[in-house]
Amino acid sequence: MRGFWVGLLALYVAAAPAAAQTVRIAQQFGIGYLPLFVMADGALLEEEGKARGLSLRAEWVQLTSSAPINDSLLSGNLEFAGGGVGPLLTMWAKTQSGLKVKGVATLNAMPMWLTTTNPRIGSIRDFTDSDRIALPAVKVSVQAVVLRMAAQKEFGPGQEGRLDPLTISMSHPDGMQAMLGGHSPISAHLTAAPFMYQEMTAPGVHLVLNSYDVLGGKHTFNAMWATSKYRDANPQIVAAFLAALERAEALIRNDPSRAAAIWLKAEHSAMPPDQATAMIARPENEWTTAPRKVMAFARFMHGTGAIPVVPERWQDVFFPELQAPDGD
């Protein structure tokens, strides 16, 4: 009789569903992270995991900048990190002999605008010591990299850091509030959608710089990355993540109004749905997993000493699961 119960217990244990494996994914604020909001809303990672025989549970961690995100990734408290292409390249270069961080895919190609409330500023040449420029993270954020690229282009080789003393680290919402409030030293803001679009509708705000002009065309804004250690141990999870992300990108391209509804709900935004839909569908915003001008960023960052090594091609920065014939 004891053998009967032991056998029955073994059958029960074998039939019991395995506990879902938690996958912790970092994201930041803003419409640039829309593909992740779509993934979360549709439980797309869980679906793609199930299709591969995996039981997954996505845990979404929202942070305000890439610095704490990368700290969490390196300490093993995240599986997938999200942020600008500048922080991705920094992590790739600095972990070559260690965890070997690489990109999983990009989230989009989107511009960044430098706006100001100072009427005398027509170009970056007009900034003085009395001005302050808000951006997400001094020197290391993709916004900071673009500003340094613009400075080198405007003032010449070796002058890429000319505007660095004017920059102040602030989250996108805080930077917008500080500039528009008029009660702080912040007179300019280098930011992305939706904040830059909202700023341009405010009285007295005008555009100083468009990052697409600095790079000479569309460029990657946000990307996702992970450690090689995690990818090598969990190739099916990485494949499921990429497949889920590609599904999210397709939904955004094909149904921007649905994507807008997801984003507005996720961020508890009072923005009118038609305004959000129009923003998502603007021609300068490309929803793609393919890298855009990653090598241009990498060469600049290496040339100015921001990263110690430079990739030979964009594929060196991303895991081979990402197939993007039109990437650069």
C-alpha atoms as a PDB file:
ATOM      1  CA  MET A   1       0.000   0.000   0.000  1.00  0.00           C
ATOM      2  CA  ARG A   2       2.877   2.376   0.811  1.00  0.00           C
ATOM      3  CA  GLY A   3       4.230   1.808  -2.719  1.00  0.00           C
ATOM      4  CA  PHE A   4       0.847   2.751  -4.171  1.00  0.00           C
ATOM      5  CA  TRP A   5       0.836   6.155  -2.402  1.00  0.00           C
ATOM      6  CA  VAL A   6       4.456   6.828  -3.289  1.00  0.00           C
ATOM      7  CA  GLY A   7       3.669   6.126  -6.932  1.00  0.00           C
ATOM      8  CA  LEU A   8       0.563   8.310  -6.820  1.00  0.00           C
ATOM      9  CA  LEU A   9       2.576  11.165  -5.303  1.00  0.00           C
ATOM     10  CA  ALA A  10       5.189  10.829  -8.034  1.00  0.00           C
ATOM     11  CA  LEU A  11       2.489  11.035 -10.711  1.00  0.00           C
ATOM     12  CA  TYR A  12       1.050  14.156  -9.074  1.00  0.00           C
ATOM     13  CA  VAL A  13       4.423  15.877  -8.916  1.00  0.00           C
ATOM     14  CA  ALA A  14       5.122  15.023 -12.542  1.00  0.00           C
ATOM     15  CA  ALA A  15       1.758  16.389 -13.629  1.00  0.00           C
ATOM     16  CA  ALA A  16       1.975  19.591 -11.594  1.00  0.00           C
ATOM     17  CA  PRO A  17       2.820  22.660 -13.698  1.00  0.00           C
ATOM     18  CA  ALA A  18       6.326  24.017 -13.230  1.00  0.00           C
ATOM     19  CA  ALA A  19       6.631  27.384 -11.502  1.00  0.00           C
ATOM     20  CA  ALA A  20       6.932  30.227 -13.979  1.00  0.00           C
ATOM     21  CA  GLN A  21      10.432  31.629 -14.435  1.00  0.00           C
ATOM     22  CA  THR A  22      10.537  35.345 -13.687  1.00  0.00           C
ATOM     23  CA  VAL A  23      12.134  37.564 -16.321  1.00  0.00           C
ATOM     24  CA  ARG A  24      12.900  41.040 -15.008  1.00  0.00           C
ATOM     25  CA  ILE A  25      12.819  43.751 -17.661  1.00  0.00           C
ATOM     26  CA  ALA A  26      13.771  47.393 -17.122  1.00  0.00           C
ATOM     27  CA  GLN A  27      12.154  50.272 -18.926  1.00  0.00           C
ATOM     28  CA  GLN A  28      12.018  54.035 -18.584  1.00  0.00           C
ATOM     29  CA  PHE A  29       9.369  56.697 -19.060  1.00  0.00           C
ATOM     30  CA  GLY A  30       8.217  58.003 -22.419  1.00  0.00           C
ATOM     31  CA  ILE A  31       6.761  56.869 -25.673  1.00  0.00           C
ATOM     32  CA  GLY A  32      10.175  55.589 -26.770  1.00  0.00           C
ATOM     33  CA  TYR A  33       9.454  52.544 -24.612  1.00  0.00           C
ATOM     34  CA  LEU A  34       6.092  51.930 -26.257  1.00  0.00           C
ATOM     35  CA  PRO A  35       7.076  48.467 -27.586  1.00  0.00           C
ATOM     36  CA  LEU A  36       7.652  47.309 -24.011  1.00  0.00           C
ATOM     37  CA  PHE A  37       4.270  48.643 -22.896  1.00  0.00           C
ATOM     38  CA  VAL A  38       2.672  46.720 -25.770  1.00  0.00           C
ATOM     39  CA  MET A  39       4.578  43.576 -24.779  1.00  0.00           C
ATOM     40  CA  ALA A  40       3.380  43.884 -21.202  1.00  0.00           C
ATOM     41  CA  ASP A  41      -0.234  44.629 -22.171  1.00  0.00           C
ATOM     42  CA  GLY A  42      -0.525  41.564 -24.382  1.00  0.00           C
ATOM     43  CA  ALA A  43       1.632  39.261 -22.219  1.00  0.00           C
ATOM     44  CA  LEU A  44       3.590  38.656 -25.418  1.00  0.00           C
ATOM     45  CA  LEU A  45       6.715  37.352 -23.700  1.00  0.00           C
ATOM     46  CA  GLU A  46       4.627  34.816 -21.823  1.00  0.00           C
ATOM     47  CA  GLU A  47       2.971  33.745 -25.093  1.00  0.00           C
ATOM     48  CA  GLU A  48       6.256  33.401 -26.957  1.00  0.00           C
ATOM     49  CA  GLY A  49       7.729  31.501 -24.046  1.00  0.00           C
ATOM     50  CA  LYS A  50       4.805  29.085 -24.027  1.00  0.00           C
ATOM     51  CA  ALA A  51       5.279  28.489 -27.751  1.00  0.00           C
ATOM     52  CA  ARG A  52       8.809  27.343 -26.893  1.00  0.00           C
ATOM     53  CA  GLY A  53       7.771  25.124 -24.010  1.00  0.00           C
ATOM     54  CA  LEU A  54       8.682  27.699 -21.360  1.00  0.00           C
ATOM     55  CA  SER A  55       6.643  29.051 -18.470  1.00  0.00           C
ATOM     56  CA  LEU A  56       7.654  32.700 -18.119  1.00  0.00           C
ATOM     57  CA  ARG A  57       6.450  35.639 -16.065  1.00  0.00           C
ATOM     58  CA  ALA A  58       7.586  39.113 -17.054  1.00  0.00           C
ATOM     59  CA  GLU A  59       8.333  41.512 -14.214  1.00  0.00           C
ATOM     60  CA  TRP A  60       8.498  45.116 -15.411  1.00  0.00           C
ATOM     61  CA  VAL A  61      10.857  47.430 -13.517  1.00  0.00           C
ATOM     62  CA  GLN A  62      10.523  51.141 -14.281  1.00  0.00           C
ATOM     63  CA  LEU A  63      13.548  53.348 -13.565  1.00  0.00           C
ATOM     64  CA  THR A  64      14.443  56.898 -14.593  1.00  0.00           C
ATOM     65  CA  SER A  65      17.909  56.504 -16.158  1.00  0.00           C
ATOM     66  CA  SER A  66      20.374  53.980 -17.547  1.00  0.00           C
ATOM     67  CA  ALA A  67      22.831  54.221 -14.620  1.00  0.00           C
ATOM     68  CA  PRO A  68      20.661  52.369 -12.054  1.00  0.00           C
ATOM     69  CA  ILE A  69      19.452  50.049 -14.805  1.00  0.00           C
ATOM     70  CA  ASN A  70      22.987  48.994 -15.696  1.00  0.00           C
ATOM     71  CA  ASP A  71      23.896  48.624 -12.022  1.00  0.00           C
ATOM     72  CA  SER A  72      20.936  46.282 -11.598  1.00  0.00           C
ATOM     73  CA  LEU A  73      21.881  44.290 -14.688  1.00  0.00           C
ATOM     74  CA  LEU A  74      25.483  43.801 -13.575  1.00  0.00           C
ATOM     75  CA  SER A  75      24.428  42.801 -10.061  1.00  0.00           C
ATOM     76  CA  GLY A  76      22.070  40.148 -11.407  1.00  0.00           C
ATOM     77  CA  ASN A  77      18.854  41.938 -10.450  1.00  0.00           C
ATOM     78  CA  LEU A  78      17.691  42.333 -14.056  1.00  0.00           C
ATOM     79  CA  GLU A  79      17.653  40.095 -17.100  1.00  0.00           C
ATOM     80  CA  PHE A  80      16.974  42.721 -19.773  1.00  0.00           C
ATOM     81  CA  ALA A  81      18.001  46.385 -19.599  1.00  0.00           C
ATOM     82  CA  GLY A  82      16.565  49.197 -21.696  1.00  0.00           C
ATOM     83  CA  GLY A  83      17.901  52.628 -22.512  1.00  0.00           C
ATOM     84  CA  GLY A  84      19.642  54.799 -25.064  1.00  0.00           C
ATOM     85  CA  VAL A  85      22.180  53.617 -27.607  1.00  0.00           C
ATOM     86  CA  GLY A  86      24.931  55.543 -25.779  1.00  0.00           C
ATOM     87  CA  PRO A  87      24.598  53.546 -22.542  1.00  0.00           C
ATOM     88  CA  LEU A  88      24.371  50.325 -24.592  1.00  0.00           C
ATOM     89  CA  LEU A  89      27.686  51.053 -26.299  1.00  0.00           C
ATOM     90  CA  THR A  90      29.254  52.016 -22.964  1.00  0.00           C
ATOM     91  CA  MET A  91      28.190  48.733 -21.407  1.00  0.00           C
ATOM     92  CA  TRP A  92      29.305  46.713 -24.444  1.00  0.00           C
ATOM     93  CA  ALA A  93      32.756  48.286 -24.429  1.00  0.00           C
ATOM     94  CA  LYS A  94      33.345  48.107 -20.679  1.00  0.00           C
ATOM     95  CA  THR A  95      32.290  44.465 -20.258  1.00  0.00           C
ATOM     96  CA  GLN A  96      34.319  42.903 -23.071  1.00  0.00           C
ATOM     97  CA  SER A  97      36.461  40.930 -20.634  1.00  0.00           C
ATOM     98  CA  GLY A  98      33.662  40.150 -18.200  1.00  0.00           C
ATOM     99  CA  LEU A  99      29.916  39.687 -18.569  1.00  0.00           C
ATOM    100  CA  LYS A 100      30.057  40.749 -22.234  1.00  0.00           C
ATOM    101  CA  VAL A 101      26.890  42.801 -22.437  1.00  0.00           C
ATOM    102  CA  LYS A 102      25.335  42.903 -25.914  1.00  0.00           C
ATOM    103  CA  GLY A 103      22.218  44.321 -27.483  1.00  0.00           C
ATOM    104  CA  VAL A 104      19.158  42.143 -28.001  1.00  0.00           C
ATOM    105  CA  ALA A 105      17.415  44.566 -30.372  1.00  0.00           C
ATOM    106  CA  THR A 106      16.513  48.208 -30.789  1.00  0.00           C
ATOM    107  CA  LEU A 107      13.112  49.622 -29.871  1.00  0.00           C
ATOM    108  CA  ASN A 108      12.874  52.376 -32.456  1.00  0.00           C
ATOM    109  CA  ALA A 109      14.526  55.104 -34.450  1.00  0.00           C
ATOM    110  CA  MET A 110      13.429  58.452 -33.015  1.00  0.00           C
ATOM    111  CA  PRO A 111      14.884  61.964 -32.954  1.00  0.00           C
ATOM    112  CA  MET A 112      15.789  64.052 -29.943  1.00  0.00           C
ATOM    113  CA  TRP A 113      15.185  67.788 -29.926  1.00  0.00           C
ATOM    114  CA  LEU A 114      17.010  70.497 -28.033  1.00  0.00           C
ATOM    115  CA  THR A 115      14.431  73.141 -27.148  1.00  0.00           C
ATOM    116  CA  THR A 116      14.766  76.400 -25.262  1.00  0.00           C
ATOM    117  CA  THR A 117      12.776  79.216 -23.724  1.00  0.00           C
ATOM    118  CA  ASN A 118      15.652  81.671 -24.243  1.00  0.00           C
ATOM    119  CA  PRO A 119      14.768  83.865 -27.258  1.00  0.00           C
ATOM    120  CA  ARG A 120      18.377  84.808 -28.002  1.00  0.00           C
ATOM    121  CA  ILE A 121      19.482  81.208 -28.625  1.00  0.00           C
ATOM    122  CA  GLY A 122      19.299  80.307 -32.297  1.00  0.00           C
ATOM    123  CA  SER A 123      21.984  77.602 -32.327  1.00  0.00           C
ATOM    124  CA  ILE A 124      24.216  75.843 -29.819  1.00  0.00           C
ATOM    125  CA  ARG A 125      26.830  78.532 -30.512  1.00  0.00           C
ATOM    126  CA  ASP A 126      24.606  81.019 -28.649  1.00  0.00           C
ATOM    127  CA  PHE A 127      24.673  79.250 -25.284  1.00  0.00           C
ATOM    128  CA  THR A 128      26.577  81.105 -22.546  1.00  0.00           C
ATOM    129  CA  ASP A 129      27.691  80.295 -19.019  1.00  0.00           C
ATOM    130  CA  SER A 130      24.372  81.578 -17.700  1.00  0.00           C
ATOM    131  CA  ASP A 131      22.400  78.872 -19.530  1.00  0.00           C
ATOM    132  CA  ARG A 132      21.705  75.365 -18.275  1.00  0.00           C
ATOM    133  CA  ILE A 133      20.652  72.393 -20.397  1.00  0.00           C
ATOM    134  CA  ALA A 134      18.684  69.541 -18.827  1.00  0.00           C
ATOM    135  CA  LEU A 135      19.194  66.000 -20.119  1.00  0.00           C
ATOM    136  CA  PRO A 136      18.800  62.532 -18.565  1.00  0.00           C
ATOM    137  CA  ALA A 137      22.440  61.925 -17.595  1.00  0.00           C
ATOM    138  CA  VAL A 138      25.495  64.124 -18.074  1.00  0.00           C
ATOM    139  CA  LYS A 139      28.064  62.732 -20.549  1.00  0.00           C
ATOM    140  CA  VAL A 140      26.708  59.159 -20.702  1.00  0.00           C
ATOM    141  CA  SER A 141      23.082  59.408 -21.873  1.00  0.00           C
ATOM    142  CA  VAL A 142      22.364  59.270 -25.598  1.00  0.00           C
ATOM    143  CA  GLN A 143      21.210  62.887 -25.342  1.00  0.00           C
ATOM    144  CA  ALA A 144      24.572  63.881 -23.874  1.00  0.00           C
ATOM    145  CA  VAL A 145      26.397  61.995 -26.636  1.00  0.00           C
ATOM    146  CA  VAL A 146      24.357  63.791 -29.305  1.00  0.00           C
ATOM    147  CA  LEU A 147      25.097  67.169 -27.708  1.00  0.00           C
ATOM    148  CA  ARG A 148      28.816  66.351 -27.722  1.00  0.00           C
ATOM    149  CA  MET A 149      28.603  65.296 -31.369  1.00  0.00           C
ATOM    150  CA  ALA A 150      26.869  68.560 -32.215  1.00  0.00           C
ATOM    151  CA  ALA A 151      29.509  70.557 -30.326  1.00  0.00           C
ATOM    152  CA  GLN A 152      32.335  68.865 -32.211  1.00  0.00           C
ATOM    153  CA  LYS A 153      30.543  69.520 -35.488  1.00  0.00           C
ATOM    154  CA  GLU A 154      29.965  73.187 -34.609  1.00  0.00           C
ATOM    155  CA  PHE A 155      33.199  74.112 -32.811  1.00  0.00           C
ATOM    156  CA  GLY A 156      35.703  71.651 -34.287  1.00  0.00           C
ATOM    157  CA  PRO A 157      37.764  68.614 -33.203  1.00  0.00           C
ATOM    158  CA  GLY A 158      38.537  68.477 -29.516  1.00  0.00           C
ATOM    159  CA  GLN A 159      35.611  70.768 -28.653  1.00  0.00           C
ATOM    160  CA  GLU A 160      33.023  68.057 -28.080  1.00  0.00           C
ATOM    161  CA  GLY A 161      32.915  68.804 -24.331  1.00  0.00           C
ATOM    162  CA  ARG A 162      32.437  72.533 -24.727  1.00  0.00           C
ATOM    163  CA  LEU A 163      28.814  72.476 -23.571  1.00  0.00           C
ATOM    164  CA  ASP A 164      29.250  69.799 -20.886  1.00  0.00           C
ATOM    165  CA  PRO A 165      29.574  72.347 -18.035  1.00  0.00           C
ATOM    166  CA  LEU A 166      26.114  73.649 -18.918  1.00  0.00           C
ATOM    167  CA  THR A 167      24.374  70.267 -18.660  1.00  0.00           C
ATOM    168  CA  ILE A 168      22.401  69.035 -15.652  1.00  0.00           C
ATOM    169  CA  SER A 169      21.093  65.496 -15.120  1.00  0.00           C
ATOM    170  CA  MET A 170      17.302  65.367 -14.857  1.00  0.00           C
ATOM    171  CA  SER A 171      14.605  62.894 -15.790  1.00  0.00           C
ATOM    172  CA  HIS A 172      12.582  63.813 -18.884  1.00  0.00           C
ATOM    173  CA  PRO A 173       9.493  64.954 -16.927  1.00  0.00           C
ATOM    174  CA  ASP A 174      11.568  66.942 -14.429  1.00  0.00           C
ATOM    175  CA  GLY A 175      13.595  68.584 -17.188  1.00  0.00           C
ATOM    176  CA  MET A 176      10.464  69.671 -19.006  1.00  0.00           C
ATOM    177  CA  GLN A 177       8.892  71.034 -15.835  1.00  0.00           C
ATOM    178  CA  ALA A 178      12.068  72.897 -14.886  1.00  0.00           C
ATOM    179  CA  MET A 179      12.390  74.602 -18.269  1.00  0.00           C
ATOM    180  CA  LEU A 180       8.726  75.483 -18.683  1.00  0.00           C
ATOM    181  CA  GLY A 181       8.287  76.540 -15.057  1.00  0.00           C
ATOM    182  CA  GLY A 182      10.668  79.453 -15.447  1.00  0.00           C
ATOM    183  CA  HIS A 183      11.779  79.297 -11.805  1.00  0.00           C
ATOM    184  CA  SER A 184      15.057  77.406 -12.263  1.00  0.00           C
ATOM    185  CA  PRO A 185      18.353  77.935 -14.106  1.00  0.00           C
ATOM    186  CA  ILE A 186      17.190  75.467 -16.775  1.00  0.00           C
ATOM    187  CA  SER A 187      16.669  77.366 -20.025  1.00  0.00           C
ATOM    188  CA  ALA A 188      16.981  74.436 -22.440  1.00  0.00           C
ATOM    189  CA  HIS A 189      16.085  70.752 -22.560  1.00  0.00           C
ATOM    190  CA  LEU A 190      17.480  67.972 -24.763  1.00  0.00           C
ATOM    191  CA  THR A 191      14.779  65.344 -24.714  1.00  0.00           C
ATOM    192  CA  ALA A 192      12.642  62.968 -26.770  1.00  0.00           C
ATOM    193  CA  ALA A 193       8.989  62.190 -27.437  1.00  0.00           C
ATOM    194  CA  PRO A 194       6.488  62.886 -26.011  1.00  0.00           C
ATOM    195  CA  PHE A 195       8.196  65.609 -23.998  1.00  0.00           C
ATOM    196  CA  MET A 196       9.744  67.486 -26.930  1.00  0.00           C
ATOM    197  CA  TYR A 197       6.424  67.593 -28.773  1.00  0.00           C
ATOM    198  CA  GLN A 198       4.671  68.883 -25.674  1.00  0.00           C
ATOM    199  CA  GLU A 199       7.349  71.517 -25.090  1.00  0.00           C
ATOM    200  CA  MET A 200       7.029  72.846 -28.629  1.00  0.00           C
ATOM    201  CA  THR A 201       3.352  73.638 -28.017  1.00  0.00           C
ATOM    202  CA  ALA A 202       4.198  75.827 -25.012  1.00  0.00           C
ATOM    203  CA  PRO A 203       4.439  79.616 -25.460  1.00  0.00           C
ATOM    204  CA  GLY A 204       7.945  80.940 -25.979  1.00  0.00           C
ATOM    205  CA  VAL A 205       9.593  77.598 -26.757  1.00  0.00           C
ATOM    206  CA  HIS A 206      11.545  77.077 -29.971  1.00  0.00           C
ATOM    207  CA  LEU A 207      13.729  74.379 -31.503  1.00  0.00           C
ATOM    208  CA  VAL A 208      17.513  74.693 -31.413  1.00  0.00           C
ATOM    209  CA  LEU A 209      18.707  71.271 -32.579  1.00  0.00           C
ATOM    210  CA  ASN A 210      17.371  68.057 -34.119  1.00  0.00           C
ATOM    211  CA  SER A 211      19.512  64.953 -33.535  1.00  0.00           C
ATOM    212  CA  TYR A 212      18.658  63.611 -37.006  1.00  0.00           C
ATOM    213  CA  ASP A 213      20.511  66.617 -38.438  1.00  0.00           C
ATOM    214  CA  VAL A 214      23.530  65.864 -36.246  1.00  0.00           C
ATOM    215  CA  LEU A 215      23.658  62.204 -37.318  1.00  0.00           C
ATOM    216  CA  GLY A 216      22.682  62.825 -40.921  1.00  0.00           C
ATOM    217  CA  GLY A 217      19.497  60.767 -40.831  1.00  0.00           C
ATOM    218  CA  LYS A 218      17.388  58.474 -38.692  1.00  0.00           C
ATOM    219  CA  HIS A 219      19.175  56.867 -35.766  1.00  0.00           C
ATOM    220  CA  THR A 220      18.385  54.398 -33.022  1.00  0.00           C
ATOM    221  CA  PHE A 221      17.075  56.031 -29.874  1.00  0.00           C
ATOM    222  CA  ASN A 222      16.412  53.142 -27.488  1.00  0.00           C
ATOM    223  CA  ALA A 223      17.589  49.549 -27.336  1.00  0.00           C
ATOM    224  CA  MET A 224      17.479  46.484 -25.087  1.00  0.00           C
ATOM    225  CA  TRP A 225      20.513  44.584 -23.857  1.00  0.00           C
ATOM    226  CA  ALA A 226      21.537  41.645 -21.665  1.00  0.00           C
ATOM    227  CA  THR A 227      24.659  39.847 -20.499  1.00  0.00           C
ATOM    228  CA  SER A 228      26.190  37.082 -22.595  1.00  0.00           C
ATOM    229  CA  LYS A 229      26.140  34.920 -19.480  1.00  0.00           C
ATOM    230  CA  TYR A 230      22.353  35.145 -19.326  1.00  0.00           C
ATOM    231  CA  ARG A 231      21.888  34.748 -23.070  1.00  0.00           C
ATOM    232  CA  ASP A 232      24.163  31.683 -23.234  1.00  0.00           C
ATOM    233  CA  ALA A 233      22.292  30.039 -20.359  1.00  0.00           C
ATOM    234  CA  ASN A 234      18.823  31.012 -21.656  1.00  0.00           C
ATOM    235  CA  PRO A 235      18.865  31.156 -25.478  1.00  0.00           C
ATOM    236  CA  GLN A 236      15.184  30.256 -25.710  1.00  0.00           C
ATOM    237  CA  ILE A 237      14.177  33.097 -23.396  1.00  0.00           C
ATOM    238  CA  VAL A 238      16.186  35.563 -25.470  1.00  0.00           C
ATOM    239  CA  ALA A 239      14.546  34.206 -28.627  1.00  0.00           C
ATOM    240  CA  ALA A 240      11.117  34.546 -27.008  1.00  0.00           C
ATOM    241  CA  PHE A 241      11.897  38.116 -25.945  1.00  0.00           C
ATOM    242  CA  LEU A 242      12.980  39.099 -29.456  1.00  0.00           C
ATOM    243  CA  ALA A 243       9.919  37.465 -31.031  1.00  0.00           C
ATOM    244  CA  ALA A 244       7.623  39.241 -28.561  1.00  0.00           C
ATOM    245  CA  LEU A 245       9.313  42.554 -29.270  1.00  0.00           C
ATOM    246  CA  GLU A 246       8.925  42.110 -33.022  1.00  0.00           C
ATOM    247  CA  ARG A 247       5.221  41.373 -32.523  1.00  0.00           C
ATOM    248  CA  ALA A 248       4.881  44.546 -30.461  1.00  0.00           C
ATOM    249  CA  GLU A 249       6.634  46.599 -33.148  1.00  0.00           C
ATOM    250  CA  ALA A 250       4.281  45.190 -35.794  1.00  0.00           C
ATOM    251  CA  LEU A 251       1.223  46.131 -33.734  1.00  0.00           C
ATOM    252  CA  ILE A 252       2.489  49.698 -33.355  1.00  0.00           C
ATOM    253  CA  ARG A 253       3.090  50.057 -37.095  1.00  0.00           C
ATOM    254  CA  ASN A 254      -0.217  48.485 -38.095  1.00  0.00           C
ATOM    255  CA  ASP A 255      -2.510  49.872 -35.394  1.00  0.00           C
ATOM    256  CA  PRO A 256      -1.107  53.097 -33.886  1.00  0.00           C
ATOM    257  CA  SER A 257      -4.434  53.954 -32.258  1.00  0.00           C
ATOM    258  CA  ARG A 258      -4.415  50.679 -30.333  1.00  0.00           C
ATOM    259  CA  ALA A 259      -0.793  51.266 -29.364  1.00  0.00           C
ATOM    260  CA  ALA A 260      -1.683  54.778 -28.207  1.00  0.00           C
ATOM    261  CA  ALA A 261      -4.456  53.443 -25.974  1.00  0.00           C
ATOM    262  CA  ILE A 262      -2.026  50.974 -24.380  1.00  0.00           C
ATOM    263  CA  TRP A 263       0.570  53.657 -23.730  1.00  0.00           C
ATOM    264  CA  LEU A 264      -1.891  56.196 -22.305  1.00  0.00           C
ATOM    265  CA  LYS A 265      -3.286  53.594 -19.923  1.00  0.00           C
ATOM    266  CA  ALA A 266       0.145  52.378 -18.829  1.00  0.00           C
ATOM    267  CA  GLU A 267       1.439  55.871 -18.037  1.00  0.00           C
ATOM    268  CA  HIS A 268      -1.892  57.174 -16.678  1.00  0.00           C
ATOM    269  CA  SER A 269      -1.662  60.004 -19.191  1.00  0.00           C
ATOM    270  CA  ALA A 270      -4.407  62.530 -19.815  1.00  0.00           C
ATOM    271  CA  MET A 271      -3.160  63.182 -23.354  1.00  0.00           C
ATOM    272  CA  PRO A 272      -6.007  63.004 -25.916  1.00  0.00           C
ATOM    273  CA  PRO A 273      -5.911  59.644 -27.727  1.00  0.00           C
ATOM    274  CA  ASP A 274      -5.852  61.229 -31.181  1.00  0.00           C
ATOM    275  CA  GLN A 275      -2.821  63.320 -30.196  1.00  0.00           C
ATOM    276  CA  ALA A 276      -0.970  60.230 -28.955  1.00  0.00           C
ATOM    277  CA  THR A 277      -1.890  58.315 -32.115  1.00  0.00           C
ATOM    278  CA  ALA A 278      -0.602  61.119 -34.328  1.00  0.00           C
ATOM    279  CA  MET A 279       2.638  61.222 -32.350  1.00  0.00           C
ATOM    280  CA  ILE A 280       3.217  57.491 -32.776  1.00  0.00           C
ATOM    281  CA  ALA A 281       2.508  57.686 -36.499  1.00  0.00           C
ATOM    282  CA  ARG A 282       4.752  60.694 -37.225  1.00  0.00           C
ATOM    283  CA  PRO A 283       7.102  59.879 -40.123  1.00  0.00           C
ATOM    284  CA  GLU A 284      10.263  60.601 -38.137  1.00  0.00           C
ATOM    285  CA  ASN A 285       9.382  57.845 -35.654  1.00  0.00           C
ATOM    286  CA  GLU A 286      10.277  54.383 -36.924  1.00  0.00           C
ATOM    287  CA  TRP A 287       9.218  51.331 -34.923  1.00  0.00           C
ATOM    288  CA  THR A 288      11.853  48.750 -35.724  1.00  0.00           C
ATOM    289  CA  THR A 289      14.250  46.318 -34.068  1.00  0.00           C
ATOM    290  CA  ALA A 290      16.943  47.144 -36.668  1.00  0.00           C
ATOM    291  CA  PRO A 291      19.914  49.294 -35.566  1.00  0.00           C
ATOM    292  CA  ARG A 292      20.225  52.719 -37.177  1.00  0.00           C
ATOM    293  CA  LYS A 293      23.589  54.576 -37.181  1.00  0.00           C
ATOM    294  CA  VAL A 294      24.889  52.598 -34.228  1.00  0.00           C
ATOM    295  CA  MET A 295      28.336  52.613 -35.817  1.00  0.00           C
ATOM    296  CA  ALA A 296      28.275  56.419 -36.116  1.00  0.00           C
ATOM    297  CA  PHE A 297      27.685  56.650 -32.372  1.00  0.00           C
ATOM    298  CA  ALA A 298      30.353  54.029 -31.656  1.00  0.00           C
ATOM    299  CA  ARG A 299      33.050  55.694 -33.758  1.00  0.00           C
ATOM    300  CA  PHE A 300      32.395  59.078 -32.171  1.00  0.00           C
ATOM    301  CA  MET A 301      32.393  57.708 -28.647  1.00  0.00           C
ATOM    302  CA  HIS A 302      35.626  55.836 -29.241  1.00  0.00           C
ATOM    303  CA  GLY A 303      37.250  58.814 -30.940  1.00  0.00           C
ATOM    304  CA  THR A 304      36.507  61.025 -27.944  1.00  0.00           C
ATOM    305  CA  GLY A 305      37.586  58.467 -25.361  1.00  0.00           C
ATOM    306  CA  ALA A 306      34.091  57.655 -24.089  1.00  0.00           C
ATOM    307  CA  ILE A 307      34.556  53.939 -24.845  1.00  0.00           C
ATOM    308  CA  PRO A 308      37.897  52.071 -24.887  1.00  0.00           C
ATOM    309  CA  VAL A 309      37.218  49.900 -27.947  1.00  0.00           C
ATOM    310  CA  VAL A 310      35.214  50.275 -31.136  1.00  0.00           C
ATOM    311  CA  PRO A 311      33.219  47.538 -32.902  1.00  0.00           C
ATOM    312  CA  GLU A 312      34.092  46.702 -36.492  1.00  0.00           C
ATOM    313  CA  ARG A 313      30.401  46.423 -37.387  1.00  0.00           C
ATOM    314  CA  TRP A 314      27.069  46.823 -35.655  1.00  0.00           C
ATOM    315  CA  GLN A 315      26.673  43.037 -35.450  1.00  0.00           C
ATOM    316  CA  ASP A 316      29.525  42.972 -32.912  1.00  0.00           C
ATOM    317  CA  VAL A 317      27.345  44.925 -30.492  1.00  0.00           C
ATOM    318  CA  PHE A 318      24.237  42.708 -30.767  1.00  0.00           C
ATOM    319  CA  PHE A 319      23.538  39.034 -30.201  1.00  0.00           C
ATOM    320  CA  PRO A 320      23.323  36.997 -33.426  1.00  0.00           C
ATOM    321  CA  GLU A 321      19.602  36.317 -32.883  1.00  0.00           C
ATOM    322  CA  LEU A 322      18.946  39.806 -34.257  1.00  0.00           C
ATOM    323  CA  GLN A 323      18.764  39.646 -38.025  1.00  0.00           C
ATOM    324  CA  ALA A 324      18.570  43.096 -39.609  1.00  0.00           C
ATOM    325  CA  PRO A 325      19.842  43.255 -43.191  1.00  0.00           C
ATOM    326  CA  ASP A 326      19.153  47.011 -43.302  1.00  0.00           C
ATOM    327  CA  GLY A 327      20.920  47.780 -40.009  1.00  0.00           C
ATOM    328  CA  ASP A 328      23.888  50.120 -39.776  1.00  0.00           C
END
